[in-house]
Amino acid sequence: MMINLILRTDPGMSVVSWNGAGLANCQDKARRYLLDLMTRKREWVEPRLAQRRHQWNQLREEWRIHAVVEGTLAAEDNVLPLLDGVTLEPSFSNLRALRKKLQDLHVQASNCRTSTERMLRCPVCDVMSLNPYDLLQHLRTKSHMEKERQVLDLYEQYSAEAKQALSNSK
């Protein structure tokens, strides 16, 4: 199949000549095509500069996690100084979308008798399921239920904060 793709030929027609010399001929054509492709001179492209180049400290100070470890050498004395990280906080819209995906997964898992032609992915555990029954078994595992509970609790917390902020602004 790969030789057919490289030679850009119809698979049904090229298989007919795949005996002894025909196969060697196809492999030789494919080898020459790949070598021509690799040795061909690439056309020059005008380099484009990044829009925000040479700009530092583009993150807010409260987003940074400072790499301070107690009882170690000063940063300038370290051979490999620690870098600052960035705190990642889930947004309310991401939590809402994740909650919706989990609800859809539960609906799909409840239809165990229907077969889907695509694999189902759990967004919380990053597990792929072949069919709704496998998905249902995954959704019943203790680790998944704990992670799902964390997501739902965080969603409830954010929605309560959003409602309170909305009522305070009125």
C-alpha atoms as a PDB file:
ATOM      1  CA  MET A   1       0.000   0.000   0.000  1.00  0.00           C
ATOM      2  CA  MET A   2       2.829   2.405   0.852  1.00  0.00           C
ATOM      3  CA  ILE A   3       4.443   1.860  -2.527  1.00  0.00           C
ATOM      4  CA  ASN A   4       1.097   2.653  -4.181  1.00  0.00           C
ATOM      5  CA  LEU A   5       0.839   5.868  -2.195  1.00  0.00           C
ATOM      6  CA  ILE A   6       4.364   6.883  -3.106  1.00  0.00           C
ATOM      7  CA  LEU A   7       3.873   6.103  -6.778  1.00  0.00           C
ATOM      8  CA  ARG A   8       0.404   7.691  -6.695  1.00  0.00           C
ATOM      9  CA  THR A   9      -1.156   4.746  -8.523  1.00  0.00           C
ATOM     10  CA  ASP A  10      -4.451   2.943  -8.217  1.00  0.00           C
ATOM     11  CA  PRO A  11      -3.986   0.070  -5.719  1.00  0.00           C
ATOM     12  CA  GLY A  12      -6.051  -2.424  -7.716  1.00  0.00           C
ATOM     13  CA  MET A  13      -4.044  -1.901 -10.896  1.00  0.00           C
ATOM     14  CA  SER A  14      -0.533  -2.025  -9.453  1.00  0.00           C
ATOM     15  CA  VAL A  15      -1.051  -5.234  -7.464  1.00  0.00           C
ATOM     16  CA  VAL A  16      -1.501  -7.149 -10.732  1.00  0.00           C
ATOM     17  CA  SER A  17       2.163  -6.652 -11.644  1.00  0.00           C
ATOM     18  CA  TRP A  18       3.521  -7.562  -8.197  1.00  0.00           C
ATOM     19  CA  ASN A  19       5.365 -10.737  -9.020  1.00  0.00           C
ATOM     20  CA  GLY A  20       9.125 -11.094  -9.089  1.00  0.00           C
ATOM     21  CA  ALA A  21      10.322  -8.439 -11.530  1.00  0.00           C
ATOM     22  CA  GLY A  22       7.124  -6.380 -11.187  1.00  0.00           C
ATOM     23  CA  LEU A  23       7.638  -6.013  -7.447  1.00  0.00           C
ATOM     24  CA  ALA A  24      11.306  -5.103  -7.919  1.00  0.00           C
ATOM     25  CA  ASN A  25      10.301  -2.535 -10.545  1.00  0.00           C
ATOM     26  CA  CYS A  26       7.722  -0.963  -8.190  1.00  0.00           C
ATOM     27  CA  GLN A  27      10.228  -0.843  -5.350  1.00  0.00           C
ATOM     28  CA  ASP A  28      12.843   0.725  -7.610  1.00  0.00           C
ATOM     29  CA  LYS A  29      10.383   3.408  -8.791  1.00  0.00           C
ATOM     30  CA  ALA A  30       9.425   4.149  -5.203  1.00  0.00           C
ATOM     31  CA  ARG A  31      13.083   4.352  -4.145  1.00  0.00           C
ATOM     32  CA  ARG A  32      13.909   6.755  -6.992  1.00  0.00           C
ATOM     33  CA  TYR A  33      10.859   8.888  -6.222  1.00  0.00           C
ATOM     34  CA  LEU A  34      11.804   9.153  -2.531  1.00  0.00           C
ATOM     35  CA  LEU A  35      15.435   9.967  -3.344  1.00  0.00           C
ATOM     36  CA  ASP A  36      14.324  12.669  -5.798  1.00  0.00           C
ATOM     37  CA  LEU A  37      12.002  14.047  -3.155  1.00  0.00           C
ATOM     38  CA  MET A  38      14.753  14.190  -0.524  1.00  0.00           C
ATOM     39  CA  THR A  39      17.436  15.647  -2.795  1.00  0.00           C
ATOM     40  CA  ARG A  40      15.187  18.222  -4.466  1.00  0.00           C
ATOM     41  CA  LYS A  41      16.174  21.795  -3.692  1.00  0.00           C
ATOM     42  CA  ARG A  42      13.618  23.466  -1.497  1.00  0.00           C
ATOM     43  CA  GLU A  43      12.337  26.858  -2.521  1.00  0.00           C
ATOM     44  CA  TRP A  44      13.414  29.762  -0.366  1.00  0.00           C
ATOM     45  CA  VAL A  45      10.871  31.333   1.984  1.00  0.00           C
ATOM     46  CA  GLU A  46      11.121  34.871   3.316  1.00  0.00           C
ATOM     47  CA  PRO A  47      11.634  34.683   7.095  1.00  0.00           C
ATOM     48  CA  ARG A  48       8.948  36.334   9.206  1.00  0.00           C
ATOM     49  CA  LEU A  49       9.726  37.849  12.570  1.00  0.00           C
ATOM     50  CA  ALA A  50       7.638  37.048  15.607  1.00  0.00           C
ATOM     51  CA  GLN A  51       5.196  39.781  16.571  1.00  0.00           C
ATOM     52  CA  ARG A  52       6.057  39.999  20.257  1.00  0.00           C
ATOM     53  CA  ARG A  53       9.776  39.315  20.090  1.00  0.00           C
ATOM     54  CA  HIS A  54      12.152  40.633  22.744  1.00  0.00           C
ATOM     55  CA  GLN A  55       9.310  41.249  25.180  1.00  0.00           C
ATOM     56  CA  TRP A  56       9.812  39.768  28.614  1.00  0.00           C
ATOM     57  CA  ASN A  57       7.564  39.480  31.633  1.00  0.00           C
ATOM     58  CA  GLN A  58       4.389  39.028  29.638  1.00  0.00           C
ATOM     59  CA  LEU A  59       2.824  37.074  32.496  1.00  0.00           C
ATOM     60  CA  ARG A  60       1.239  38.618  35.526  1.00  0.00           C
ATOM     61  CA  GLU A  61       3.243  38.267  38.713  1.00  0.00           C
ATOM     62  CA  GLU A  62       0.456  36.398  40.535  1.00  0.00           C
ATOM     63  CA  TRP A  63       0.465  33.680  37.859  1.00  0.00           C
ATOM     64  CA  ARG A  64       4.106  32.781  38.451  1.00  0.00           C
ATOM     65  CA  ILE A  65       5.249  29.993  40.750  1.00  0.00           C
ATOM     66  CA  HIS A  66       8.622  31.023  42.078  1.00  0.00           C
ATOM     67  CA  ALA A  67      11.191  28.256  42.228  1.00  0.00           C
ATOM     68  CA  VAL A  68      12.412  28.705  45.770  1.00  0.00           C
ATOM     69  CA  VAL A  69      13.594  25.634  47.630  1.00  0.00           C
ATOM     70  CA  GLU A  70      14.477  26.058  51.286  1.00  0.00           C
ATOM     71  CA  GLY A  71      18.025  25.189  52.331  1.00  0.00           C
ATOM     72  CA  THR A  72      19.604  25.325  48.873  1.00  0.00           C
ATOM     73  CA  LEU A  73      22.190  27.552  47.295  1.00  0.00           C
ATOM     74  CA  ALA A  74      21.304  30.943  45.923  1.00  0.00           C
ATOM     75  CA  ALA A  75      20.037  30.985  42.331  1.00  0.00           C
ATOM     76  CA  GLU A  76      23.222  32.564  40.989  1.00  0.00           C
ATOM     77  CA  ASP A  77      25.341  29.816  42.613  1.00  0.00           C
ATOM     78  CA  ASN A  78      23.447  26.940  40.983  1.00  0.00           C
ATOM     79  CA  VAL A  79      24.766  25.381  37.813  1.00  0.00           C
ATOM     80  CA  LEU A  80      21.209  24.725  36.633  1.00  0.00           C
ATOM     81  CA  PRO A  81      18.960  27.327  38.246  1.00  0.00           C
ATOM     82  CA  LEU A  82      15.315  26.450  38.685  1.00  0.00           C
ATOM     83  CA  LEU A  83      12.864  28.139  36.354  1.00  0.00           C
ATOM     84  CA  ASP A  84       9.638  29.767  37.420  1.00  0.00           C
ATOM     85  CA  GLY A  85       6.480  27.909  36.469  1.00  0.00           C
ATOM     86  CA  VAL A  86       3.045  29.226  35.661  1.00  0.00           C
ATOM     87  CA  THR A  87      -0.031  28.356  37.687  1.00  0.00           C
ATOM     88  CA  LEU A  88      -2.777  26.873  35.601  1.00  0.00           C
ATOM     89  CA  GLU A  89      -6.284  27.392  36.874  1.00  0.00           C
ATOM     90  CA  PRO A  90      -9.253  25.879  35.103  1.00  0.00           C
ATOM     91  CA  SER A  91     -11.638  28.395  33.639  1.00  0.00           C
ATOM     92  CA  PHE A  92     -15.370  28.209  34.231  1.00  0.00           C
ATOM     93  CA  SER A  93     -16.058  27.684  30.517  1.00  0.00           C
ATOM     94  CA  ASN A  94     -13.601  24.755  30.388  1.00  0.00           C
ATOM     95  CA  LEU A  95     -15.235  23.196  33.438  1.00  0.00           C
ATOM     96  CA  ARG A  96     -18.672  23.650  31.871  1.00  0.00           C
ATOM     97  CA  ALA A  97     -17.505  21.956  28.654  1.00  0.00           C
ATOM     98  CA  LEU A  98     -15.890  19.115  30.623  1.00  0.00           C
ATOM     99  CA  ARG A  99     -19.090  18.625  32.633  1.00  0.00           C
ATOM    100  CA  LYS A 100     -21.102  18.509  29.391  1.00  0.00           C
ATOM    101  CA  LYS A 101     -18.721  15.908  27.917  1.00  0.00           C
ATOM    102  CA  LEU A 102     -19.068  13.774  31.041  1.00  0.00           C
ATOM    103  CA  GLN A 103     -22.861  13.977  30.817  1.00  0.00           C
ATOM    104  CA  ASP A 104     -22.720  12.954  27.145  1.00  0.00           C
ATOM    105  CA  LEU A 105     -20.466  10.016  28.044  1.00  0.00           C
ATOM    106  CA  HIS A 106     -22.963   8.818  30.638  1.00  0.00           C
ATOM    107  CA  VAL A 107     -25.756   9.005  28.045  1.00  0.00           C
ATOM    108  CA  GLN A 108     -23.684   7.052  25.517  1.00  0.00           C
ATOM    109  CA  ALA A 109     -22.707   4.480  28.138  1.00  0.00           C
ATOM    110  CA  SER A 110     -26.339   3.962  29.117  1.00  0.00           C
ATOM    111  CA  ASN A 111     -27.079   2.840  25.538  1.00  0.00           C
ATOM    112  CA  CYS A 112     -25.044  -0.359  25.798  1.00  0.00           C
ATOM    113  CA  ARG A 113     -27.054  -2.064  23.086  1.00  0.00           C
ATOM    114  CA  THR A 114     -26.087   0.440  20.399  1.00  0.00           C
ATOM    115  CA  SER A 115     -22.701   0.140  18.774  1.00  0.00           C
ATOM    116  CA  THR A 116     -20.656   3.131  17.774  1.00  0.00           C
ATOM    117  CA  GLU A 117     -18.093   3.050  15.010  1.00  0.00           C
ATOM    118  CA  ARG A 118     -15.775   5.420  16.794  1.00  0.00           C
ATOM    119  CA  MET A 119     -13.841   5.050  19.996  1.00  0.00           C
ATOM    120  CA  LEU A 120     -15.094   6.906  23.040  1.00  0.00           C
ATOM    121  CA  ARG A 121     -12.624   8.892  25.136  1.00  0.00           C
ATOM    122  CA  CYS A 122     -12.990   9.794  28.786  1.00  0.00           C
ATOM    123  CA  PRO A 123     -11.701  13.387  29.080  1.00  0.00           C
ATOM    124  CA  VAL A 124     -11.014  13.080  32.811  1.00  0.00           C
ATOM    125  CA  CYS A 125      -8.957   9.873  32.815  1.00  0.00           C
ATOM    126  CA  ASP A 126      -7.759   9.957  29.186  1.00  0.00           C
ATOM    127  CA  VAL A 127      -8.980   6.393  28.612  1.00  0.00           C
ATOM    128  CA  MET A 128     -10.226   5.147  25.254  1.00  0.00           C
ATOM    129  CA  SER A 129     -13.183   2.733  25.137  1.00  0.00           C
ATOM    130  CA  LEU A 130     -14.039   0.568  22.160  1.00  0.00           C
ATOM    131  CA  ASN A 131     -17.779   0.447  22.778  1.00  0.00           C
ATOM    132  CA  PRO A 132     -20.424   1.818  25.159  1.00  0.00           C
ATOM    133  CA  TYR A 133     -20.246  -1.246  27.414  1.00  0.00           C
ATOM    134  CA  ASP A 134     -16.499  -0.746  27.970  1.00  0.00           C
ATOM    135  CA  LEU A 135     -17.197   2.912  28.636  1.00  0.00           C
ATOM    136  CA  LEU A 136     -19.847   1.990  31.197  1.00  0.00           C
ATOM    137  CA  GLN A 137     -17.378  -0.297  32.968  1.00  0.00           C
ATOM    138  CA  HIS A 138     -14.801   2.503  33.006  1.00  0.00           C
ATOM    139  CA  LEU A 139     -17.307   5.041  34.354  1.00  0.00           C
ATOM    140  CA  ARG A 140     -18.003   2.684  37.269  1.00  0.00           C
ATOM    141  CA  THR A 141     -14.366   2.449  38.366  1.00  0.00           C
ATOM    142  CA  LYS A 142     -13.425   4.052  41.657  1.00  0.00           C
ATOM    143  CA  SER A 143     -10.615   6.177  40.192  1.00  0.00           C
ATOM    144  CA  HIS A 144     -12.908   7.646  37.532  1.00  0.00           C
ATOM    145  CA  MET A 145     -15.680   8.389  40.008  1.00  0.00           C
ATOM    146  CA  GLU A 146     -13.203  10.225  42.278  1.00  0.00           C
ATOM    147  CA  LYS A 147     -11.892  12.334  39.395  1.00  0.00           C
ATOM    148  CA  GLU A 148     -15.406  13.045  38.158  1.00  0.00           C
ATOM    149  CA  ARG A 149     -16.443  14.097  41.671  1.00  0.00           C
ATOM    150  CA  GLN A 150     -13.475  16.525  41.803  1.00  0.00           C
ATOM    151  CA  VAL A 151     -14.516  18.070  38.481  1.00  0.00           C
ATOM    152  CA  LEU A 152     -18.148  18.397  39.543  1.00  0.00           C
ATOM    153  CA  ASP A 153     -17.203  19.875  42.939  1.00  0.00           C
ATOM    154  CA  LEU A 154     -14.919  22.405  41.256  1.00  0.00           C
ATOM    155  CA  TYR A 155     -17.691  23.258  38.782  1.00  0.00           C
ATOM    156  CA  GLU A 156     -20.175  23.786  41.618  1.00  0.00           C
ATOM    157  CA  GLN A 157     -17.661  25.988  43.449  1.00  0.00           C
ATOM    158  CA  TYR A 158     -17.030  28.138  40.363  1.00  0.00           C
ATOM    159  CA  SER A 159     -20.727  28.415  39.529  1.00  0.00           C
ATOM    160  CA  ALA A 160     -21.510  29.490  43.118  1.00  0.00           C
ATOM    161  CA  GLU A 161     -18.741  32.108  42.938  1.00  0.00           C
ATOM    162  CA  ALA A 162     -20.059  33.346  39.589  1.00  0.00           C
ATOM    163  CA  LYS A 163     -23.612  33.624  40.954  1.00  0.00           C
ATOM    164  CA  GLN A 164     -22.379  35.480  44.018  1.00  0.00           C
ATOM    165  CA  ALA A 165     -20.291  37.873  41.913  1.00  0.00           C
ATOM    166  CA  LEU A 166     -23.320  38.488  39.705  1.00  0.00           C
ATOM    167  CA  SER A 167     -25.586  39.211  42.677  1.00  0.00           C
ATOM    168  CA  ASN A 168     -22.955  41.516  44.253  1.00  0.00           C
ATOM    169  CA  SER A 169     -22.656  43.555  41.064  1.00  0.00           C
ATOM    170  CA  LYS A 170     -26.403  44.352  41.052  1.00  0.00           C
END
